[in-house]
C-alpha atoms as a PDB file:
ATOM      1  CA  MET A   1       1.748 -14.879-169.349  1.00  0.00           C
ATOM      2  CA  SER A   2      -1.757 -16.269-169.274  1.00  0.00           C
ATOM      3  CA  ASN A   3      -4.796 -14.831-171.020  1.00  0.00           C
ATOM      4  CA  LEU A   4      -7.693 -16.055-173.117  1.00  0.00           C
ATOM      5  CA  ASN A   5      -5.513 -16.730-176.156  1.00  0.00           C
ATOM      6  CA  ILE A   6      -2.000 -17.307-174.828  1.00  0.00           C
ATOM      7  CA  LYS A   7      -0.912 -19.571-171.977  1.00  0.00           C
ATOM      8  CA  THR A   8       2.715 -19.927-170.978  1.00  0.00           C
ATOM      9  CA  ASP A   9       2.230 -21.134-167.399  1.00  0.00           C
ATOM     10  CA  PHE A  10       2.219 -24.847-168.242  1.00  0.00           C
ATOM     11  CA  VAL A  11       4.530 -27.624-167.077  1.00  0.00           C
ATOM     12  CA  ARG A  12       6.847 -29.074-169.706  1.00  0.00           C
ATOM     13  CA  THR A  13       8.181 -32.596-169.907  1.00  0.00           C
ATOM     14  CA  SER A  14      11.512 -32.309-168.098  1.00  0.00           C
ATOM     15  CA  PRO A  15      14.810 -32.330-170.029  1.00  0.00           C
ATOM     16  CA  GLU A  16      15.790 -35.479-168.129  1.00  0.00           C
ATOM     17  CA  LEU A  17      12.697 -37.362-169.285  1.00  0.00           C
ATOM     18  CA  VAL A  18      13.086 -35.987-172.810  1.00  0.00           C
ATOM     19  CA  ALA A  19      16.632 -37.371-172.908  1.00  0.00           C
ATOM     20  CA  LYS A  20      15.434 -40.784-171.737  1.00  0.00           C
ATOM     21  CA  GLY A  21      12.429 -40.805-174.058  1.00  0.00           C
ATOM     22  CA  SER A  22      14.442 -39.773-177.091  1.00  0.00           C
ATOM     23  CA  LYS A  23      16.198 -43.155-177.048  1.00  0.00           C
ATOM     24  CA  PHE A  24      13.015 -44.927-178.148  1.00  0.00           C
ATOM     25  CA  ALA A  25      11.281 -44.873-181.529  1.00  0.00           C
ATOM     26  CA  PRO A  26       7.730 -43.544-181.921  1.00  0.00           C
ATOM     27  CA  SER A  27       6.634 -47.079-182.847  1.00  0.00           C
ATOM     28  CA  ILE A  28       7.828 -48.379-179.474  1.00  0.00           C
ATOM     29  CA  PHE A  29       5.940 -45.680-177.587  1.00  0.00           C
ATOM     30  CA  SER A  30       2.809 -46.312-179.626  1.00  0.00           C
ATOM     31  CA  ASP A  31       2.913 -50.012-178.744  1.00  0.00           C
ATOM     32  CA  VAL A  32       3.445 -49.536-175.005  1.00  0.00           C
ATOM     33  CA  ASN A  33       0.854 -46.727-174.925  1.00  0.00           C
ATOM     34  CA  ASP A  34      -1.899 -49.112-176.075  1.00  0.00           C
ATOM     35  CA  ARG A  35      -1.485 -47.870-179.656  1.00  0.00           C
ATOM     36  CA  ARG A  36      -2.589 -44.388-178.684  1.00  0.00           C
ATOM     37  CA  GLY A  37      -0.921 -41.086-179.467  1.00  0.00           C
ATOM     38  CA  ALA A  38       0.177 -41.632-183.073  1.00  0.00           C
ATOM     39  CA  LEU A  39      -0.716 -38.671-185.272  1.00  0.00           C
ATOM     40  CA  HIS A  40      -2.315 -39.361-188.645  1.00  0.00           C
ATOM     41  CA  GLY A  41       0.227 -40.502-191.228  1.00  0.00           C
ATOM     42  CA  ARG A  42      -0.400 -37.402-193.340  1.00  0.00           C
ATOM     43  CA  ILE A  43       1.933 -35.604-190.921  1.00  0.00           C
ATOM     44  CA  SER A  44       5.340 -36.927-191.856  1.00  0.00           C
ATOM     45  CA  ALA A  45       9.011 -36.039-191.950  1.00  0.00           C
ATOM     46  CA  LEU A  46      10.014 -33.627-194.673  1.00  0.00           C
ATOM     47  CA  ARG A  47      13.023 -35.900-195.182  1.00  0.00           C
ATOM     48  CA  PRO A  48      13.357 -39.516-193.900  1.00  0.00           C
ATOM     49  CA  SER A  49      16.446 -38.796-191.791  1.00  0.00           C
ATOM     50  CA  MET A  50      14.674 -36.267-189.570  1.00  0.00           C
ATOM     51  CA  LYS A  51      14.126 -37.164-185.899  1.00  0.00           C
ATOM     52  CA  LEU A  52      12.633 -35.191-183.052  1.00  0.00           C
ATOM     53  CA  ALA A  53      11.952 -35.376-179.304  1.00  0.00           C
ATOM     54  CA  GLY A  54      10.876 -32.745-176.792  1.00  0.00           C
ATOM     55  CA  PRO A  55       7.993 -30.963-175.069  1.00  0.00           C
ATOM     56  CA  ALA A  56       5.140 -29.517-177.102  1.00  0.00           C
ATOM     57  CA  LEU A  57       4.419 -25.815-177.391  1.00  0.00           C
ATOM     58  CA  THR A  58       0.938 -26.002-178.855  1.00  0.00           C
ATOM     59  CA  VAL A  59      -0.302 -23.518-181.436  1.00  0.00           C
ATOM     60  CA  GLU A  60      -3.694 -23.227-183.098  1.00  0.00           C
ATOM     61  CA  VAL A  61      -4.034 -21.161-186.262  1.00  0.00           C
ATOM     62  CA  ARG A  62      -6.676 -20.526-188.856  1.00  0.00           C
ATOM     63  CA  PRO A  63      -6.035 -22.200-192.225  1.00  0.00           C
ATOM     64  CA  GLY A  64      -3.462 -20.294-194.240  1.00  0.00           C
ATOM     65  CA  ASP A  65      -2.524 -17.813-191.495  1.00  0.00           C
ATOM     66  CA  ASN A  66       0.685 -17.958-189.456  1.00  0.00           C
ATOM     67  CA  LEU A  67       0.360 -14.940-187.143  1.00  0.00           C
ATOM     68  CA  MET A  68       0.269 -17.090-184.005  1.00  0.00           C
ATOM     69  CA  ILE A  69       3.248 -19.181-185.098  1.00  0.00           C
ATOM     70  CA  HIS A  70       5.360 -16.013-185.079  1.00  0.00           C
ATOM     71  CA  ALA A  71       4.015 -15.231-181.611  1.00  0.00           C
ATOM     72  CA  ALA A  72       4.770 -18.755-180.397  1.00  0.00           C
ATOM     73  CA  MET A  73       8.336 -18.539-181.655  1.00  0.00           C
ATOM     74  CA  SER A  74       8.886 -15.453-179.527  1.00  0.00           C
ATOM     75  CA  LEU A  75       7.558 -17.285-176.452  1.00  0.00           C
ATOM     76  CA  ALA A  76       9.236 -20.657-176.983  1.00  0.00           C
ATOM     77  CA  LYS A  77      11.972 -21.981-174.725  1.00  0.00           C
ATOM     78  CA  PRO A  78      15.028 -23.850-176.030  1.00  0.00           C
ATOM     79  CA  GLY A  79      14.146 -27.479-176.622  1.00  0.00           C
ATOM     80  CA  ASP A  80      10.453 -26.808-177.283  1.00  0.00           C
ATOM     81  CA  ILE A  81       8.737 -28.337-180.289  1.00  0.00           C
ATOM     82  CA  LEU A  82       6.181 -26.179-182.089  1.00  0.00           C
ATOM     83  CA  VAL A  83       3.122 -28.409-182.490  1.00  0.00           C
ATOM     84  CA  ILE A  84       0.761 -26.562-184.793  1.00  0.00           C
ATOM     85  CA  ASP A  85      -2.863 -27.300-185.584  1.00  0.00           C
ATOM     86  CA  GLY A  86      -3.057 -25.855-189.099  1.00  0.00           C
ATOM     87  CA  LYS A  87      -6.359 -27.655-189.806  1.00  0.00           C
ATOM     88  CA  GLY A  88      -4.683 -29.865-192.400  1.00  0.00           C
ATOM     89  CA  ASP A  89      -4.724 -27.021-194.908  1.00  0.00           C
ATOM     90  CA  GLN A  90      -2.394 -27.356-197.902  1.00  0.00           C
ATOM     91  CA  THR A  91      -3.421 -24.257-199.860  1.00  0.00           C
ATOM     92  CA  ALA A  92      -0.620 -22.157-198.357  1.00  0.00           C
ATOM     93  CA  ALA A  93       2.660 -22.795-196.593  1.00  0.00           C
ATOM     94  CA  LEU A  94       2.679 -21.658-192.980  1.00  0.00           C
ATOM     95  CA  MET A  95       6.472 -21.785-192.588  1.00  0.00           C
ATOM     96  CA  GLY A  96       9.552 -21.611-194.789  1.00  0.00           C
ATOM     97  CA  THR A  97      13.291 -20.979-194.677  1.00  0.00           C
ATOM     98  CA  ILE A  98      13.135 -17.629-192.891  1.00  0.00           C
ATOM     99  CA  MET A  99      10.966 -18.856-190.021  1.00  0.00           C
ATOM    100  CA  ILE A 100      12.733 -22.198-189.705  1.00  0.00           C
ATOM    101  CA  THR A 101      16.120 -20.442-189.596  1.00  0.00           C
ATOM    102  CA  ALA A 102      14.783 -18.312-186.755  1.00  0.00           C
ATOM    103  CA  CYS A 103      13.516 -21.439-184.970  1.00  0.00           C
ATOM    104  CA  GLN A 104      16.948 -22.977-185.253  1.00  0.00           C
ATOM    105  CA  GLN A 105      18.617 -19.863-183.874  1.00  0.00           C
ATOM    106  CA  LEU A 106      16.161 -19.759-180.972  1.00  0.00           C
ATOM    107  CA  GLY A 107      16.952 -23.335-179.986  1.00  0.00           C
ATOM    108  CA  ILE A 108      13.491 -24.627-180.849  1.00  0.00           C
ATOM    109  CA  ALA A 109      13.957 -28.367-181.346  1.00  0.00           C
ATOM    110  CA  GLY A 110      11.680 -28.769-184.346  1.00  0.00           C
ATOM    111  CA  VAL A 111       8.254 -28.285-185.881  1.00  0.00           C
ATOM    112  CA  VAL A 112       5.232 -30.574-186.202  1.00  0.00           C
ATOM    113  CA  ILE A 113       2.551 -28.933-188.306  1.00  0.00           C
ATOM    114  CA  ASP A 114      -0.812 -30.122-189.580  1.00  0.00           C
ATOM    115  CA  GLY A 115      -0.353 -27.895-192.586  1.00  0.00           C
ATOM    116  CA  ALA A 116       2.067 -27.150-195.397  1.00  0.00           C
ATOM    117  CA  VAL A 117       5.574 -25.692-195.515  1.00  0.00           C
ATOM    118  CA  ARG A 118       7.722 -24.423-198.370  1.00  0.00           C
ATOM    119  CA  ASP A 119      11.397 -24.075-199.329  1.00  0.00           C
ATOM    120  CA  SER A 120      11.715 -27.792-198.716  1.00  0.00           C
ATOM    121  CA  ASN A 121      15.119 -28.184-200.374  1.00  0.00           C
ATOM    122  CA  GLU A 122      16.593 -25.459-198.176  1.00  0.00           C
ATOM    123  CA  LEU A 123      15.003 -26.943-195.084  1.00  0.00           C
ATOM    124  CA  ALA A 124      16.437 -30.350-195.952  1.00  0.00           C
ATOM    125  CA  GLU A 125      19.906 -28.841-196.314  1.00  0.00           C
ATOM    126  CA  MET A 126      19.503 -27.288-192.864  1.00  0.00           C
ATOM    127  CA  ASN A 127      18.755 -30.776-191.492  1.00  0.00           C
ATOM    128  CA  TYR A 128      16.237 -29.184-189.148  1.00  0.00           C
ATOM    129  CA  PRO A 129      13.364 -31.489-188.097  1.00  0.00           C
ATOM    130  CA  VAL A 130      10.128 -30.513-189.852  1.00  0.00           C
ATOM    131  CA  PHE A 131       7.074 -32.768-189.924  1.00  0.00           C
ATOM    132  CA  SER A 132       4.206 -31.524-192.093  1.00  0.00           C
ATOM    133  CA  VAL A 133       1.389 -32.621-194.398  1.00  0.00           C
ATOM    134  CA  GLY A 134       3.324 -31.513-197.456  1.00  0.00           C
ATOM    135  CA  THR A 135       4.475 -28.420-199.299  1.00  0.00           C
ATOM    136  CA  ASN A 136       2.977 -25.487-201.150  1.00  0.00           C
ATOM    137  CA  PRO A 137       4.774 -22.476-202.664  1.00  0.00           C
ATOM    138  CA  ASN A 138       1.972 -20.088-201.719  1.00  0.00           C
ATOM    139  CA  GLY A 139       2.671 -17.841-198.734  1.00  0.00           C
ATOM    140  CA  PRO A 140       0.376 -17.307-195.721  1.00  0.00           C
ATOM    141  CA  THR A 141      -1.456 -14.315-194.333  1.00  0.00           C
ATOM    142  CA  LYS A 142      -0.610 -12.873-190.911  1.00  0.00           C
ATOM    143  CA  ASN A 143      -3.935 -11.444-189.807  1.00  0.00           C
ATOM    144  CA  VAL A 144      -6.031 -13.933-187.868  1.00  0.00           C
ATOM    145  CA  PRO A 145      -5.868 -14.553-184.106  1.00  0.00           C
ATOM    146  CA  GLY A 146      -5.354 -18.033-182.726  1.00  0.00           C
ATOM    147  CA  ARG A 147      -4.214 -19.677-179.507  1.00  0.00           C
ATOM    148  CA  ILE A 148      -0.934 -20.725-177.891  1.00  0.00           C
ATOM    149  CA  GLY A 149      -0.475 -23.160-175.009  1.00  0.00           C
ATOM    150  CA  HIS A 150      -4.005 -24.522-175.196  1.00  0.00           C
ATOM    151  CA  PRO A 151      -4.945 -28.144-175.950  1.00  0.00           C
ATOM    152  CA  ILE A 152      -5.118 -28.793-179.680  1.00  0.00           C
ATOM    153  CA  SER A 153      -6.339 -31.572-181.924  1.00  0.00           C
ATOM    154  CA  ILE A 154      -3.689 -32.510-184.469  1.00  0.00           C
ATOM    155  CA  GLY A 155      -3.713 -35.552-186.693  1.00  0.00           C
ATOM    156  CA  GLY A 156      -6.596 -37.025-184.695  1.00  0.00           C
ATOM    157  CA  VAL A 157      -4.757 -36.737-181.361  1.00  0.00           C
ATOM    158  CA  THR A 158      -5.306 -34.302-178.508  1.00  0.00           C
ATOM    159  CA  VAL A 159      -2.025 -32.681-177.489  1.00  0.00           C
ATOM    160  CA  HIS A 160      -1.579 -30.541-174.391  1.00  0.00           C
ATOM    161  CA  ALA A 161       1.175 -27.996-173.969  1.00  0.00           C
ATOM    162  CA  GLY A 162       4.175 -29.688-172.376  1.00  0.00           C
ATOM    163  CA  ASP A 163       3.353 -33.185-173.626  1.00  0.00           C
ATOM    164  CA  PHE A 164       6.221 -35.327-174.911  1.00  0.00           C
ATOM    165  CA  ILE A 165       6.598 -35.495-178.678  1.00  0.00           C
ATOM    166  CA  VAL A 166       8.753 -38.066-180.450  1.00  0.00           C
ATOM    167  CA  ALA A 167       9.029 -38.416-184.212  1.00  0.00           C
ATOM    168  CA  ASP A 168      11.025 -40.119-186.944  1.00  0.00           C
ATOM    169  CA  CYS A 169      10.506 -41.382-190.487  1.00  0.00           C
ATOM    170  CA  ASP A 170       7.538 -43.501-189.338  1.00  0.00           C
ATOM    171  CA  GLY A 171       5.618 -40.496-188.019  1.00  0.00           C
ATOM    172  CA  VAL A 172       4.824 -38.579-184.849  1.00  0.00           C
ATOM    173  CA  VAL A 173       3.651 -39.796-181.434  1.00  0.00           C
ATOM    174  CA  ALA A 174       2.428 -37.632-178.559  1.00  0.00           C
ATOM    175  CA  ILE A 175       2.600 -38.918-174.980  1.00  0.00           C
ATOM    176  CA  GLU A 176       0.920 -37.196-172.032  1.00  0.00           C
ATOM    177  CA  LYS A 177       3.657 -35.613-169.936  1.00  0.00           C
ATOM    178  CA  ASP A 178       2.384 -37.212-166.720  1.00  0.00           C
ATOM    179  CA  LYS A 179       2.446 -40.664-168.321  1.00  0.00           C
ATOM    180  CA  LEU A 180       5.904 -40.675-169.897  1.00  0.00           C
ATOM    181  CA  ASP A 181       7.898 -41.758-166.840  1.00  0.00           C
ATOM    182  CA  SER A 182       5.766 -44.864-166.338  1.00  0.00           C
ATOM    183  CA  LEU A 183       6.136 -45.844-169.999  1.00  0.00           C
ATOM    184  CA  LEU A 184       9.929 -45.742-170.092  1.00  0.00           C
ATOM    185  CA  PRO A 185      10.532 -49.168-168.466  1.00  0.00           C
ATOM    186  CA  LEU A 186       7.833 -50.658-170.689  1.00  0.00           C
ATOM    187  CA  ALA A 187       9.557 -49.168-173.725  1.00  0.00           C
ATOM    188  CA  GLN A 188      12.881 -50.704-172.705  1.00  0.00           C
ATOM    189  CA  LYS A 189      11.243 -54.096-172.194  1.00  0.00           C
ATOM    190  CA  LYS A 190       9.614 -53.823-175.620  1.00  0.00           C
ATOM    191  CA  VAL A 191      12.962 -53.086-177.239  1.00  0.00           C
ATOM    192  CA  ASP A 192      14.585 -56.026-175.432  1.00  0.00           C
ATOM    193  CA  ASP A 193      11.739 -58.397-176.340  1.00  0.00           C
ATOM    194  CA  GLU A 194      11.861 -57.390-179.996  1.00  0.00           C
ATOM    195  CA  ALA A 195      15.611 -57.903-180.101  1.00  0.00           C
ATOM    196  CA  SER A 196      15.169 -61.395-178.657  1.00  0.00           C
ATOM    197  CA  ARG A 197      12.429 -62.208-181.157  1.00  0.00           C
ATOM    198  CA  ILE A 198      14.544 -61.040-184.106  1.00  0.00           C
ATOM    199  CA  ALA A 199      17.474 -63.101-182.851  1.00  0.00           C
ATOM    200  CA  ALA A 200      15.214 -66.178-182.655  1.00  0.00           C
ATOM    201  CA  ILE A 201      13.892 -65.579-186.173  1.00  0.00           C
ATOM    202  CA  LYS A 202      17.460 -65.507-187.476  1.00  0.00           C
ATOM    203  CA  THR A 203      17.992 -68.985-186.036  1.00  0.00           C
ATOM    204  CA  GLY A 204      14.998 -70.276-187.995  1.00  0.00           C
ATOM    205  CA  LYS A 205      12.265 -69.870-185.380  1.00  0.00           C
ATOM    206  CA  THR A 206      10.006 -67.839-187.663  1.00  0.00           C
ATOM    207  CA  ALA A 207       6.625 -69.061-186.389  1.00  0.00           C
ATOM    208  CA  ALA A 208       4.856 -66.671-184.017  1.00  0.00           C
ATOM    209  CA  ALA A 209       3.822 -68.422-180.805  1.00  0.00           C
ATOM    210  CA  TRP A 210       0.631 -66.389-180.572  1.00  0.00           C
ATOM    211  CA  LEU A 211      -0.614 -67.119-184.102  1.00  0.00           C
ATOM    212  CA  ASN A 212      -2.556 -70.376-183.642  1.00  0.00           C
ATOM    213  CA  PRO A 213      -4.336 -69.221-180.436  1.00  0.00           C
ATOM    214  CA  ALA A 214      -5.269 -65.976-182.191  1.00  0.00           C
ATOM    215  CA  LEU A 215      -6.658 -67.867-185.200  1.00  0.00           C
ATOM    216  CA  VAL A 216      -8.736 -70.040-182.870  1.00  0.00           C
ATOM    217  CA  ALA A 217     -10.016 -66.972-180.986  1.00  0.00           C
ATOM    218  CA  ALA A 218     -10.965 -65.364-184.304  1.00  0.00           C
ATOM    219  CA  GLY A 219     -12.858 -68.457-185.428  1.00  0.00           C
ATOM    220  CA  VAL A 220     -10.489 -69.196-188.314  1.00  0.00           C
ATOM    221  CA  LEU A 221      -9.406 -72.472-186.704  1.00  0.00           C
ATOM    222  CA  LYS A 222     -11.315 -74.798-184.415  1.00  0.00           C
ATOM    223  CA  ALA A 223     -10.054 -75.596-180.929  1.00  0.00           C
ATOM    224  CA  GLY A 224      -7.240 -78.092-181.186  1.00  0.00           C
ATOM    225  CA  GLU A 225      -6.499 -77.270-184.814  1.00  0.00           C
ATOM    226  CA  SER A 226      -3.283 -75.658-185.968  1.00  0.00           C
ATOM    227  CA  LEU A 227      -1.740 -74.476-189.189  1.00  0.00           C
END
């Protein structure tokens, strides 16, 4: 399907790349992606243990209305992540136990929503990944048209349908689907380098090799000086 409001003819990040990408934390991807792609910290895990990785099914709604989320759920493929531009509104919850239970049954991997949810205790017991800006007991309307499968702006980041989403207790990162494959070896190198650095710190080598040059470059120290 493809019309002015709904697009389903987009390419998703492949399951193979999702599986490889899911091994790395959002912080690793943010670092190797030049610190781009991290959604604003207001969008966070409903519970710290929640993790998420998969292709984005983008949804744009008007504040306080979830009509298009219901439509997106009916169009989603197993493994999709609903990535919802709810305009940061917290005056009404856009999803709760009933919708999240349906998402789980449909095989939708999780939800990232720039808006509020409700029934948070029940959602936590389900252990289903939900990343939102908070909670509100007020219910939504179901009247206003929106868009599905179009580019959205969420948490200060542009996300296209099919892009790779990875999230944990630190937050959510979106990576362009065409860029993910090239970032995977960089992510592995970053993990290996960090492990080596931590091992060195544990032997007493706590000083960062880059610190003095950086202080000189910033004008804190003069050339030849050191801490």
